[in-house]
Every structure is written in structure tokens, then in C-alpha cells.
Amino acid sequence: RAVGNYLKAHGATANVFYTSNVEQYLFRQGDDWSRYYDNVATLPLDSTSTFIRSVTGGFMYRFAPGRPFIRLRSVRSSMLGLVELYRQGWINSYVDVITYSH
């Protein structure tokens, strides 16, 4: 909320918010995810405000024998759109967040 207050005080808008994969952990910790989206909703947003997040691509590759890794990819979503879906009760899981992302 302090970031939102700072941006508002300076007449700025949150254009991009890189979440990495932190949201998946918030959904594993009680209602931490809902407090997170309540805080995001206080940011000054506009139609260009965008979440960027890293998600598992689901593909396994091997660089060397015995060294697998999971491919990550970046997806994005409208911050205003996601906040509105959250307010309407359509966001209840990390799968919902990823489904809305592209």
C-alpha cells in the first residue's frame, strides 16, 4: 500500500508489475493471496497496467545426463482485469490467475 500511496502522491501509474512466481506461494498460505490482491487494488492502474509472471511451461529437458530442469515461460495479464475478476469473486486459485494470463 505504501508503493500505491507513493505513486499516487507523484501522479504516477503502475505500468508493469513483475510477480515472478510468488503468487503460487501466496495461494498456499491461507488467505495471503486475497490480502495481496487487496493491496494491488490500491495501486493507481490504467488500461495498460500489466502483470508479468513466470509459470512452469511443463516441459522437461536435459542439459546433461541426470540434470533435468523445468522450462519456465513468461505470461502477462491486465492488472485492472485481474483486480476486477478478483473483486467479482472469480479469482480463487492460482489456476484461475494463470487461466486469465496469456
C-alpha atoms as a PDB file:
ATOM      1  CA  ARG A   1       0.000   0.000   0.000  1.00  0.00           C
ATOM      2  CA  ALA A   2       2.924   2.319   0.630  1.00  0.00           C
ATOM      3  CA  VAL A   3       4.004   1.916  -3.003  1.00  0.00           C
ATOM      4  CA  GLY A   4       0.485   2.806  -4.122  1.00  0.00           C
ATOM      5  CA  ASN A   5       0.495   5.897  -1.906  1.00  0.00           C
ATOM      6  CA  TYR A   6       3.894   6.935  -3.274  1.00  0.00           C
ATOM      7  CA  LEU A   7       2.769   6.525  -6.874  1.00  0.00           C
ATOM      8  CA  LYS A   8      -0.435   8.476  -6.240  1.00  0.00           C
ATOM      9  CA  ALA A   9       1.474  11.275  -4.497  1.00  0.00           C
ATOM     10  CA  HIS A  10       3.687  11.591  -7.575  1.00  0.00           C
ATOM     11  CA  GLY A  11       0.889  11.325 -10.127  1.00  0.00           C
ATOM     12  CA  ALA A  12       2.275   8.040 -11.429  1.00  0.00           C
ATOM     13  CA  THR A  13       0.623   4.818 -12.579  1.00  0.00           C
ATOM     14  CA  ALA A  14       1.769   1.251 -12.030  1.00  0.00           C
ATOM     15  CA  ASN A  15       2.530   0.185 -15.592  1.00  0.00           C
ATOM     16  CA  VAL A  16       4.243  -3.165 -15.050  1.00  0.00           C
ATOM     17  CA  PHE A  17       4.320  -5.451 -12.034  1.00  0.00           C
ATOM     18  CA  TYR A  18       6.667  -8.431 -12.304  1.00  0.00           C
ATOM     19  CA  THR A  19       5.394 -11.078  -9.905  1.00  0.00           C
ATOM     20  CA  SER A  20       7.778 -13.877 -10.909  1.00  0.00           C
ATOM     21  CA  ASN A  21       6.061 -16.954  -9.436  1.00  0.00           C
ATOM     22  CA  VAL A  22       5.346 -15.553  -5.965  1.00  0.00           C
ATOM     23  CA  GLU A  23       1.572 -15.804  -6.422  1.00  0.00           C
ATOM     24  CA  GLN A  24       1.669 -19.598  -6.428  1.00  0.00           C
ATOM     25  CA  TYR A  25       3.165 -19.491  -2.925  1.00  0.00           C
ATOM     26  CA  LEU A  26       0.616 -16.947  -1.687  1.00  0.00           C
ATOM     27  CA  PHE A  27      -2.205 -19.316  -2.643  1.00  0.00           C
ATOM     28  CA  ARG A  28      -0.579 -21.999  -0.467  1.00  0.00           C
ATOM     29  CA  GLN A  29      -0.611 -19.776   2.649  1.00  0.00           C
ATOM     30  CA  GLY A  30      -4.178 -19.314   3.826  1.00  0.00           C
ATOM     31  CA  ASP A  31      -5.670 -16.045   2.668  1.00  0.00           C
ATOM     32  CA  ASP A  32      -2.342 -14.325   1.908  1.00  0.00           C
ATOM     33  CA  TRP A  33      -3.352 -14.233  -1.764  1.00  0.00           C
ATOM     34  CA  SER A  34      -6.519 -12.223  -1.051  1.00  0.00           C
ATOM     35  CA  ARG A  35      -4.600  -9.661   1.016  1.00  0.00           C
ATOM     36  CA  TYR A  36      -2.099  -9.416  -1.857  1.00  0.00           C
ATOM     37  CA  TYR A  37      -4.842  -8.639  -4.392  1.00  0.00           C
ATOM     38  CA  ASP A  38      -6.491  -6.209  -1.948  1.00  0.00           C
ATOM     39  CA  ASN A  39      -3.158  -4.361  -1.874  1.00  0.00           C
ATOM     40  CA  VAL A  40      -2.743  -4.500  -5.655  1.00  0.00           C
ATOM     41  CA  ALA A  41      -6.224  -2.971  -5.974  1.00  0.00           C
ATOM     42  CA  THR A  42      -4.962   0.158  -4.165  1.00  0.00           C
ATOM     43  CA  LEU A  43      -2.333   0.861  -6.843  1.00  0.00           C
ATOM     44  CA  PRO A  44      -3.073   3.570  -9.395  1.00  0.00           C
ATOM     45  CA  LEU A  45      -3.814   1.484 -12.501  1.00  0.00           C
ATOM     46  CA  ASP A  46      -4.906   2.138 -16.051  1.00  0.00           C
ATOM     47  CA  SER A  47      -5.721   0.057 -19.116  1.00  0.00           C
ATOM     48  CA  THR A  48      -2.015  -0.506 -19.853  1.00  0.00           C
ATOM     49  CA  SER A  49      -1.101  -1.763 -16.355  1.00  0.00           C
ATOM     50  CA  THR A  50       0.243  -5.291 -16.790  1.00  0.00           C
ATOM     51  CA  PHE A  51       1.229  -8.211 -14.585  1.00  0.00           C
ATOM     52  CA  ILE A  52       4.162 -10.275 -15.849  1.00  0.00           C
ATOM     53  CA  ARG A  53       4.649 -13.640 -14.189  1.00  0.00           C
ATOM     54  CA  SER A  54       6.767 -16.762 -14.652  1.00  0.00           C
ATOM     55  CA  VAL A  55       4.953 -20.054 -14.941  1.00  0.00           C
ATOM     56  CA  THR A  56       6.058 -23.612 -15.486  1.00  0.00           C
ATOM     57  CA  GLY A  57       5.927 -24.486 -19.153  1.00  0.00           C
ATOM     58  CA  GLY A  58       5.508 -28.155 -18.299  1.00  0.00           C
ATOM     59  CA  PHE A  59       8.345 -29.404 -20.478  1.00  0.00           C
ATOM     60  CA  MET A  60      11.307 -31.388 -19.188  1.00  0.00           C
ATOM     61  CA  TYR A  61      14.663 -31.041 -20.911  1.00  0.00           C
ATOM     62  CA  ARG A  62      18.099 -32.345 -20.116  1.00  0.00           C
ATOM     63  CA  PHE A  63      21.242 -30.312 -20.498  1.00  0.00           C
ATOM     64  CA  ALA A  64      23.389 -33.154 -19.303  1.00  0.00           C
ATOM     65  CA  PRO A  65      22.745 -36.670 -18.015  1.00  0.00           C
ATOM     66  CA  GLY A  66      20.992 -36.550 -14.672  1.00  0.00           C
ATOM     67  CA  ARG A  67      20.345 -32.793 -14.789  1.00  0.00           C
ATOM     68  CA  PRO A  68      16.687 -32.133 -15.646  1.00  0.00           C
ATOM     69  CA  PHE A  69      15.032 -28.754 -15.440  1.00  0.00           C
ATOM     70  CA  ILE A  70      11.542 -27.411 -15.894  1.00  0.00           C
ATOM     71  CA  ARG A  71      11.109 -24.812 -18.589  1.00  0.00           C
ATOM     72  CA  LEU A  72       9.658 -21.523 -17.352  1.00  0.00           C
ATOM     73  CA  ARG A  73       7.824 -19.078 -19.550  1.00  0.00           C
ATOM     74  CA  SER A  74       6.564 -15.557 -19.020  1.00  0.00           C
ATOM     75  CA  VAL A  75       2.885 -14.710 -19.322  1.00  0.00           C
ATOM     76  CA  ARG A  76       1.047 -11.454 -18.823  1.00  0.00           C
ATOM     77  CA  SER A  77      -2.364 -10.201 -17.832  1.00  0.00           C
ATOM     78  CA  SER A  78      -4.145  -6.920 -17.358  1.00  0.00           C
ATOM     79  CA  MET A  79      -3.847  -5.713 -13.785  1.00  0.00           C
ATOM     80  CA  LEU A  80      -7.210  -3.921 -13.982  1.00  0.00           C
ATOM     81  CA  GLY A  81      -8.852  -7.015 -15.459  1.00  0.00           C
ATOM     82  CA  LEU A  82      -7.455  -9.339 -12.809  1.00  0.00           C
ATOM     83  CA  VAL A  83      -8.405  -6.974  -9.977  1.00  0.00           C
ATOM     84  CA  GLU A  84     -11.950  -6.781 -11.354  1.00  0.00           C
ATOM     85  CA  LEU A  85     -12.183 -10.582 -11.612  1.00  0.00           C
ATOM     86  CA  TYR A  86     -10.895 -10.816  -8.029  1.00  0.00           C
ATOM     87  CA  ARG A  87     -13.475  -8.295  -6.804  1.00  0.00           C
ATOM     88  CA  GLN A  88     -16.241 -10.276  -8.543  1.00  0.00           C
ATOM     89  CA  GLY A  89     -15.103 -13.489  -6.840  1.00  0.00           C
ATOM     90  CA  TRP A  90     -13.763 -15.203  -9.973  1.00  0.00           C
ATOM     91  CA  ILE A  91     -10.186 -15.496  -8.668  1.00  0.00           C
ATOM     92  CA  ASN A  92      -9.954 -18.218  -6.029  1.00  0.00           C
ATOM     93  CA  SER A  93      -6.849 -20.188  -7.014  1.00  0.00           C
ATOM     94  CA  TYR A  94      -3.516 -19.877  -8.766  1.00  0.00           C
ATOM     95  CA  VAL A  95      -5.023 -21.823 -11.674  1.00  0.00           C
ATOM     96  CA  ASP A  96      -7.583 -19.019 -12.059  1.00  0.00           C
ATOM     97  CA  VAL A  97      -4.765 -16.462 -12.276  1.00  0.00           C
ATOM     98  CA  ILE A  98      -2.851 -18.482 -14.880  1.00  0.00           C
ATOM     99  CA  THR A  99      -6.014 -19.191 -16.871  1.00  0.00           C
ATOM    100  CA  TYR A 100      -6.579 -15.445 -17.188  1.00  0.00           C
ATOM    101  CA  SER A 101      -2.962 -14.892 -18.294  1.00  0.00           C
ATOM    102  CA  HIS A 102      -1.594 -15.230 -21.803  1.00  0.00           C
END
